[in-house]
Protein backbone atom coordinates (compact mmCIF):
# COMPACT_ATOMS: atom_id res chain seq x y z
CA UNK A 1 135.26 128.01 -41.37
CA UNK A 2 132.68 130.53 -42.62
CA UNK A 3 129.16 129.59 -43.73
CA UNK A 4 129.94 129.95 -47.46
CA UNK A 5 132.69 127.32 -47.33
CA UNK A 6 130.42 124.99 -45.32
CA UNK A 7 127.69 125.25 -47.98
CA UNK A 8 130.17 124.55 -50.78
CA UNK A 9 131.50 121.44 -49.01
CA UNK A 10 127.95 120.25 -48.34
CA UNK A 11 126.84 120.50 -51.99
CA UNK A 12 130.06 118.84 -53.21
CA UNK A 13 129.39 115.94 -50.83
CA UNK A 14 125.80 115.57 -52.07
CA UNK A 15 126.98 115.54 -55.69
CA UNK A 16 129.66 112.95 -54.95
CA UNK A 17 127.17 110.66 -53.19
CA UNK A 18 124.72 110.93 -56.10
CA UNK A 19 127.36 109.52 -58.44
CA UNK A 20 127.35 106.27 -56.51
CA UNK A 21 123.55 105.91 -56.23
CA UNK A 22 122.24 103.42 -58.84
CA UNK A 23 119.69 104.61 -61.33
CA UNK A 24 116.45 102.83 -60.40
CA UNK A 25 114.51 104.20 -63.37
CA UNK A 26 113.44 101.31 -65.57
CA UNK A 27 114.98 101.48 -69.02
CA UNK A 28 112.81 101.74 -72.13
CA UNK A 29 113.98 100.23 -75.42
CA UNK A 30 112.30 100.88 -78.78
CA UNK A 31 112.14 98.19 -81.48
CA UNK A 32 111.02 98.22 -85.11
CA UNK A 33 111.45 94.65 -86.42
CA UNK A 34 111.91 91.04 -85.34
CA UNK A 35 115.68 91.16 -84.96
CA UNK A 36 115.62 94.29 -82.80
CA UNK A 37 112.80 92.78 -80.71
CA UNK A 38 114.74 89.55 -80.07
CA UNK A 39 117.89 91.52 -79.30
CA UNK A 40 116.06 93.83 -76.90
CA UNK A 41 114.50 90.90 -75.04
CA UNK A 42 117.86 89.13 -74.78
CA UNK A 43 119.66 92.24 -73.46
CA UNK A 44 116.87 93.63 -71.26
CA UNK A 45 117.34 94.02 -67.53
CA UNK A 46 114.69 92.86 -65.05
CA UNK A 47 111.56 95.00 -65.28
CA UNK A 48 112.61 96.79 -68.46
CA UNK A 49 110.00 98.03 -70.95
CA UNK A 50 110.32 97.31 -74.66
CA UNK A 51 108.18 99.54 -76.89
CA UNK A 52 107.17 98.80 -80.46
CA UNK A 53 107.56 101.57 -83.02
CA UNK A 54 106.18 99.61 -85.93
CA UNK A 55 104.13 96.55 -86.89
CA UNK A 56 106.35 93.45 -86.67
CA UNK A 57 106.25 90.00 -88.24
CA UNK A 58 107.90 87.22 -86.26
CA UNK A 59 109.00 83.85 -87.61
CA UNK A 60 109.65 81.84 -84.44
CA UNK A 61 108.46 81.47 -80.82
CA UNK A 62 109.67 84.00 -78.23
CA UNK A 63 110.40 82.64 -74.75
CA UNK A 64 110.71 84.99 -71.74
CA UNK A 65 112.53 83.96 -68.55
CA UNK A 66 112.75 87.32 -66.83
CA UNK A 67 110.42 90.09 -65.68
CA UNK A 68 109.64 92.15 -68.76
CA UNK A 69 107.06 94.57 -70.18
CA UNK A 70 106.31 94.75 -73.90
CA UNK A 71 104.31 97.85 -74.81
CA UNK A 72 102.88 97.45 -78.30
CA UNK A 73 102.10 101.16 -78.56
CA UNK A 74 99.01 100.14 -80.55
CA UNK A 75 100.98 98.11 -83.12
CA UNK A 76 100.52 94.49 -84.21
CA UNK A 77 102.80 91.45 -84.06
CA UNK A 78 101.91 88.91 -86.75
CA UNK A 79 103.09 85.33 -87.05
CA UNK A 80 104.73 84.57 -90.41
CA UNK A 81 103.51 81.76 -92.63
CA UNK A 82 107.03 80.23 -92.66
CA UNK A 83 107.07 79.66 -88.90
CA UNK A 84 110.03 77.89 -87.30
CA UNK A 85 109.28 75.56 -84.38
CA UNK A 86 111.53 75.47 -81.32
CA UNK A 87 111.54 72.13 -79.44
CA UNK A 88 107.88 71.63 -80.26
CA UNK A 89 106.90 75.03 -78.85
CA UNK A 90 105.05 77.04 -81.46
CA UNK A 91 103.41 79.67 -79.24
CA UNK A 92 104.20 83.28 -80.14
CA UNK A 93 105.04 84.45 -76.56
CA UNK A 94 105.79 82.18 -73.60
CA UNK A 95 106.61 83.27 -70.04
CA UNK A 96 108.50 80.29 -68.66
CA UNK A 97 109.12 79.13 -65.08
CA UNK A 98 108.79 81.31 -61.98
CA UNK A 99 111.37 83.82 -63.25
CA UNK A 100 109.29 84.54 -66.35
CA UNK A 101 106.80 87.37 -65.84
CA UNK A 102 105.64 88.99 -69.06
CA UNK A 103 103.30 91.97 -69.20
CA UNK A 104 101.81 92.64 -72.63
CA UNK A 105 99.98 95.92 -73.09
CA UNK A 106 98.57 98.06 -75.91
CA UNK A 107 99.32 95.33 -78.44
CA UNK A 108 97.63 93.15 -81.05
CA UNK A 109 98.73 89.57 -81.68
CA UNK A 110 97.50 87.76 -84.76
CA UNK A 111 98.04 84.50 -86.62
CA UNK A 112 100.15 81.60 -85.45
CA UNK A 113 100.33 77.81 -85.63
CA UNK A 114 99.40 77.21 -81.96
CA UNK A 115 98.70 79.74 -79.17
CA UNK A 116 99.10 83.50 -78.96
CA UNK A 117 100.54 83.55 -75.42
CA UNK A 118 101.42 80.89 -72.87
CA UNK A 119 102.23 80.90 -69.16
CA UNK A 120 104.30 77.77 -68.63
CA UNK A 121 105.06 75.96 -65.35
CA UNK A 122 105.06 78.84 -62.89
CA UNK A 123 105.46 81.61 -65.47
CA UNK A 124 103.11 84.60 -65.43
CA UNK A 125 101.49 86.52 -68.29
CA UNK A 126 99.57 89.75 -67.66
CA UNK A 127 97.30 90.94 -70.48
CA UNK A 128 96.43 94.64 -70.44
CA UNK A 129 94.73 96.13 -73.51
CA UNK A 130 95.66 93.14 -75.66
CA UNK A 131 93.86 91.71 -78.69
CA UNK A 132 94.52 88.10 -79.77
CA UNK A 133 93.05 86.52 -82.89
CA UNK A 134 93.78 83.97 -85.59
CA UNK A 135 95.79 81.36 -83.66
CA UNK A 136 95.09 77.77 -84.65
CA UNK A 137 95.14 76.12 -81.18
CA UNK A 138 93.85 78.99 -79.06
CA UNK A 139 94.38 82.53 -77.89
CA UNK A 140 95.79 82.04 -74.38
CA UNK A 141 97.19 78.95 -72.62
CA UNK A 142 97.68 78.66 -68.86
CA UNK A 143 99.98 75.61 -69.08
CA UNK A 144 100.81 75.15 -65.42
CA UNK A 145 101.32 78.92 -65.28
CA UNK A 146 99.49 82.06 -64.23
CA UNK A 147 97.34 84.23 -66.50
CA UNK A 148 95.98 87.61 -65.39
CA UNK A 149 93.37 89.38 -67.54
CA UNK A 150 93.13 93.15 -67.12
CA UNK A 151 91.84 94.12 -70.55
CA UNK A 152 91.66 91.42 -73.21
CA UNK A 153 89.89 91.11 -76.54
CA UNK A 154 89.63 87.62 -78.00
CA UNK A 155 88.86 87.19 -81.66
CA UNK A 156 88.25 83.74 -83.12
CA UNK A 157 91.08 81.35 -82.20
CA UNK A 158 90.98 77.67 -83.08
CA UNK A 159 90.59 75.44 -86.12
CA UNK A 160 87.41 73.40 -85.80
CA UNK A 161 86.12 75.22 -82.71
CA UNK A 162 86.88 78.44 -80.89
CA UNK A 163 89.33 78.23 -78.00
CA UNK A 164 89.85 81.49 -76.16
CA UNK A 165 91.60 80.83 -72.84
CA UNK A 166 92.66 77.23 -72.20
CA UNK A 167 93.51 76.03 -68.70
CA UNK A 168 95.81 73.01 -68.81
CA UNK A 169 98.95 71.32 -67.58
CA UNK A 170 101.39 69.59 -69.89
CA UNK A 171 103.24 66.46 -68.87
CA UNK A 172 106.44 68.42 -68.16
CA UNK A 173 104.78 71.05 -65.93
CA UNK A 174 104.97 70.74 -62.15
CA UNK A 175 102.76 73.69 -61.14
CA UNK A 176 98.98 73.97 -61.28
CA UNK A 177 97.56 76.69 -63.53
CA UNK A 178 95.74 79.80 -62.29
CA UNK A 179 93.51 82.38 -63.95
CA UNK A 180 92.95 85.81 -62.39
CA UNK A 181 90.17 88.01 -63.76
CA UNK A 182 90.99 91.61 -62.97
CA UNK A 183 89.14 93.76 -65.48
CA UNK A 184 87.38 93.31 -68.82
CA UNK A 185 87.30 90.39 -71.27
CA UNK A 186 85.59 90.99 -74.61
CA UNK A 187 85.08 88.16 -77.08
CA UNK A 188 83.85 87.83 -80.65
CA UNK A 189 82.58 84.30 -79.99
CA UNK A 190 80.62 82.78 -77.10
CA UNK A 191 82.05 79.31 -77.73
CA UNK A 192 84.74 78.04 -75.30
CA UNK A 193 85.84 81.49 -74.20
CA UNK A 194 87.33 79.81 -71.12
CA UNK A 195 87.97 76.07 -71.45
CA UNK A 196 89.53 73.39 -69.26
CA UNK A 197 91.79 70.96 -71.13
CA UNK A 198 90.77 67.29 -71.18
CA UNK A 199 93.68 65.24 -72.49
CA UNK A 200 96.67 66.29 -70.39
CA UNK A 201 97.98 66.00 -66.82
CA UNK A 202 95.64 68.60 -65.33
CA UNK A 203 93.84 67.57 -62.15
CA UNK A 204 93.52 70.89 -60.33
CA UNK A 205 93.37 74.61 -61.14
CA UNK A 206 92.48 77.87 -59.41
CA UNK A 207 90.28 80.82 -60.41
CA UNK A 208 90.39 84.28 -58.79
CA UNK A 209 88.02 87.18 -59.48
CA UNK A 210 89.13 90.55 -58.11
CA UNK A 211 86.57 93.17 -57.03
CA UNK A 212 87.56 95.27 -60.05
CA UNK A 213 86.69 92.67 -62.69
CA UNK A 214 83.66 93.14 -64.94
CA UNK A 215 83.72 89.62 -66.39
CA UNK A 216 83.86 86.89 -63.77
CA UNK A 217 84.85 83.30 -64.39
CA UNK A 218 82.80 80.94 -62.23
CA UNK A 219 83.04 77.25 -61.42
CA UNK A 220 79.69 75.48 -61.17
CA UNK A 221 78.59 71.91 -60.64
CA UNK A 222 80.35 70.59 -63.75
CA UNK A 223 81.10 73.67 -65.83
CA UNK A 224 83.32 76.70 -66.09
CA UNK A 225 81.47 79.84 -67.20
CA UNK A 226 82.25 83.41 -68.17
CA UNK A 227 79.72 86.00 -66.96
CA UNK A 228 79.07 89.69 -67.47
CA UNK A 229 78.90 92.24 -64.66
CA UNK A 230 75.29 91.17 -63.91
CA UNK A 231 76.25 87.47 -63.65
CA UNK A 232 74.53 86.61 -66.93
CA UNK A 233 76.34 83.70 -68.58
CA UNK A 234 78.24 84.61 -71.76
CA UNK A 235 79.98 81.29 -72.32
CA UNK A 236 79.86 77.83 -70.74
CA UNK A 237 82.04 74.75 -71.18
CA UNK A 238 82.29 71.42 -69.38
CA UNK A 239 84.95 70.67 -66.76
CA UNK A 240 86.27 67.08 -67.03
CA UNK A 241 85.34 64.79 -64.15
CA UNK A 242 88.98 64.21 -63.18
CA UNK A 243 89.64 67.96 -62.72
CA UNK A 244 88.93 70.00 -59.59
CA UNK A 245 88.47 73.75 -59.83
CA UNK A 246 89.27 75.86 -56.77
CA UNK A 247 87.54 79.19 -56.22
CA UNK A 248 86.50 81.30 -53.23
CA UNK A 249 82.76 80.95 -53.96
CA UNK A 250 81.34 78.18 -56.08
CA UNK A 251 78.28 78.97 -58.18
CA UNK A 252 75.17 77.28 -59.50
CA UNK A 253 73.63 77.95 -62.89
CA UNK A 254 70.06 79.22 -62.79
CA UNK A 255 68.28 78.63 -66.10
CA UNK A 256 65.05 80.58 -66.59
CA UNK A 257 62.85 79.28 -69.40
CA UNK A 258 60.42 81.78 -70.92
CA UNK A 259 58.28 80.10 -73.57
CA UNK A 260 61.01 78.71 -75.86
CA UNK A 261 63.83 81.02 -74.75
CA UNK A 262 66.46 80.46 -72.05
CA UNK A 263 68.18 82.96 -69.79
CA UNK A 264 71.14 81.75 -67.72
CA UNK A 265 72.85 83.45 -64.80
CA UNK A 266 74.90 82.38 -61.80
CA UNK A 267 74.04 82.46 -58.12
CA UNK A 268 76.08 81.56 -55.05
CA UNK A 269 76.00 77.88 -54.15
CA UNK A 270 74.40 77.26 -50.75
CA UNK A 271 72.33 80.45 -50.88
CA UNK A 272 68.71 81.36 -51.62
CA UNK A 273 67.55 83.45 -54.55
CA UNK A 274 64.55 85.76 -54.73
CA UNK A 275 61.81 86.31 -57.27
CA UNK A 276 63.04 89.88 -57.68
CA UNK A 277 66.51 88.58 -58.60
CA UNK A 278 65.01 86.32 -61.28
CA UNK A 279 62.84 89.17 -62.59
CA UNK A 280 65.90 91.41 -62.89
CA UNK A 281 67.27 89.06 -65.58
CA UNK A 282 64.05 89.00 -67.62
CA UNK A 283 63.19 91.57 -70.28
CA UNK A 284 59.46 91.78 -71.04
CA UNK A 285 57.50 93.44 -73.80
CA UNK A 286 55.32 96.38 -72.73
CA UNK A 287 52.17 94.25 -72.91
CA UNK A 288 53.60 91.24 -71.02
CA UNK A 289 53.52 90.34 -67.36
CA UNK A 290 54.93 87.56 -65.16
CA UNK A 291 52.25 85.39 -63.54
CA UNK A 292 54.61 83.23 -61.50
CA UNK A 293 57.65 80.94 -61.39
CA UNK A 294 57.32 77.15 -61.56
CA UNK A 295 59.38 73.96 -61.47
CA UNK A 296 58.05 72.51 -64.74
CA UNK A 297 56.76 73.56 -68.12
CA UNK A 298 53.13 72.73 -67.21
CA UNK A 299 53.17 75.38 -64.45
CA UNK A 300 51.65 73.05 -61.84
CA UNK A 301 54.13 73.49 -58.97
CA UNK A 302 55.37 76.90 -57.93
CA UNK A 303 59.09 77.32 -57.42
CA UNK A 304 60.05 77.50 -53.73
CA UNK A 305 62.29 80.53 -53.19
CA UNK A 306 62.91 79.44 -49.59
CA UNK A 307 65.04 76.50 -50.74
CA UNK A 308 68.84 76.71 -50.70
CA UNK A 309 70.44 76.11 -54.09
CA UNK A 310 73.16 73.47 -54.12
CA UNK A 311 72.85 72.30 -57.73
CA UNK A 312 72.12 73.83 -61.10
CA UNK A 313 68.45 74.82 -61.19
CA UNK A 314 65.81 75.38 -63.88
CA UNK A 315 62.88 77.77 -63.37
CA UNK A 316 59.91 78.19 -65.71
CA UNK A 317 58.46 81.69 -65.92
CA UNK A 318 54.78 81.92 -66.82
CA UNK A 319 54.13 84.93 -69.01
CA UNK A 320 50.78 86.35 -70.08
CA UNK A 321 49.52 89.29 -72.08
CA UNK A 322 48.07 92.18 -70.12
CA UNK A 323 44.39 92.94 -70.71
CA UNK A 324 43.82 96.23 -72.46
CA UNK A 325 42.39 98.88 -70.09
CA UNK A 326 40.44 101.99 -71.01
CA UNK A 327 42.11 105.13 -69.90
CA UNK A 328 39.69 107.89 -69.05
CA UNK A 329 40.76 111.19 -70.43
CA UNK A 330 39.16 114.47 -69.72
CA UNK A 331 37.87 116.11 -72.88
CA UNK A 332 39.44 119.38 -73.61
CA UNK A 333 36.96 122.24 -73.97
CA UNK A 334 37.42 123.32 -77.52
CA UNK A 335 34.40 125.66 -77.68
CA UNK A 336 35.52 128.84 -79.45
CA UNK A 337 35.53 131.93 -77.26
CA UNK A 338 33.25 134.80 -78.40
CA UNK A 339 35.01 137.47 -76.42
CA UNK A 340 31.83 138.42 -74.49
CA UNK A 341 33.33 137.24 -71.21
CA UNK A 342 36.34 139.49 -71.70
CA UNK A 343 34.23 142.55 -72.57
CA UNK A 344 31.94 142.00 -69.59
CA UNK A 345 34.83 142.00 -67.18
CA UNK A 346 36.23 145.17 -68.69
CA UNK A 347 32.82 146.91 -68.44
CA UNK A 348 32.56 146.07 -64.75
CA UNK A 349 36.00 147.54 -64.09
CA UNK A 350 35.03 150.75 -65.95
CA UNK A 351 31.80 151.08 -63.90
CA UNK A 352 33.65 150.62 -60.62
CA UNK A 353 36.32 153.12 -61.59
CA UNK A 354 33.74 155.68 -62.75
CA UNK A 355 31.64 155.33 -59.59
CA UNK A 356 34.67 155.78 -57.39
CA UNK A 357 35.71 158.88 -59.30
CA UNK A 358 32.23 160.50 -59.04
CA UNK A 359 32.03 159.87 -55.30
CA UNK A 360 35.50 161.31 -54.81
CA UNK A 361 34.63 164.49 -56.80
CA UNK A 362 31.40 165.04 -54.85
CA UNK A 363 33.21 164.81 -51.56
CA UNK A 364 35.78 167.27 -52.79
CA UNK A 365 33.08 169.78 -53.87
CA UNK A 366 31.33 169.52 -50.49
CA UNK A 367 34.54 170.26 -48.69
CA UNK A 368 35.19 173.17 -51.03
């Protein structure tokens, strides 16, 4: 058998094998309205991506029990005013049980009778470039499920009070909720951005902050707080006494009082802080200076920075106005120049040049 025939057989074999290899590329389905969205979710394979091609209004809750990605492509899903409840569930999107893993990205969710998204009893919801606003109970609910925040914007969600991300556990849930911060969380309100539910079956939850996250969620002595990248507290809410929060490193809240203003930031529980750390959180006017840190408003006892912090701590910063100091400045000589100095220098150069020329000519004549 010559080489040409061998090559032909080889390529035919490769082609035949390729016909039997499954296509592992994840399918992408485009949708334009509620019916096509529901149909796409129902017919989607595991891991499939559904992409919006238009703004959509939905009239009923959507429950996910598979691994699925919904790419909003920048469009908005709005809850209709004539909403239909399903078995008491009125959340717009719910990832349910361990099989349910919903990734929402590049999408806006607005208006609904309860929550925008929910991770229920082992379900997982990942929020990546998502905006949620206008939901009457709250924006996000970790109801015995797992919420991961990569890039989330929270508008105002709630009726009488804002409720951004709620950590809870309904009576029917068997799993404890978790919240993973893995990026950026922006919020239009500082009230209850992250809140622990009080009146349900929750007794334990877990918080994880990845190294990539800009906004950390911390558990302190009796609070849950959202911080910025410098550990300044953006939002704080109380954790019920019956609930235990699990986290790798518990925090304490350091409150610095400057005159009548308060600055709050977190520090690691069981660690010391430094005066330089406290100063880094204080912004002074140009004419102000810090005279010391104290344990009370009368500035009688200096704060001991050698003590380990195990509880929330208040520090009073004593501020004073700098005394004005005279700055010596050298007077600029503004005496007008007459030009005599310049002419004098030129005259000297002319005399030197002339003298040199005369001497040179005399020497030349002598030699001649």
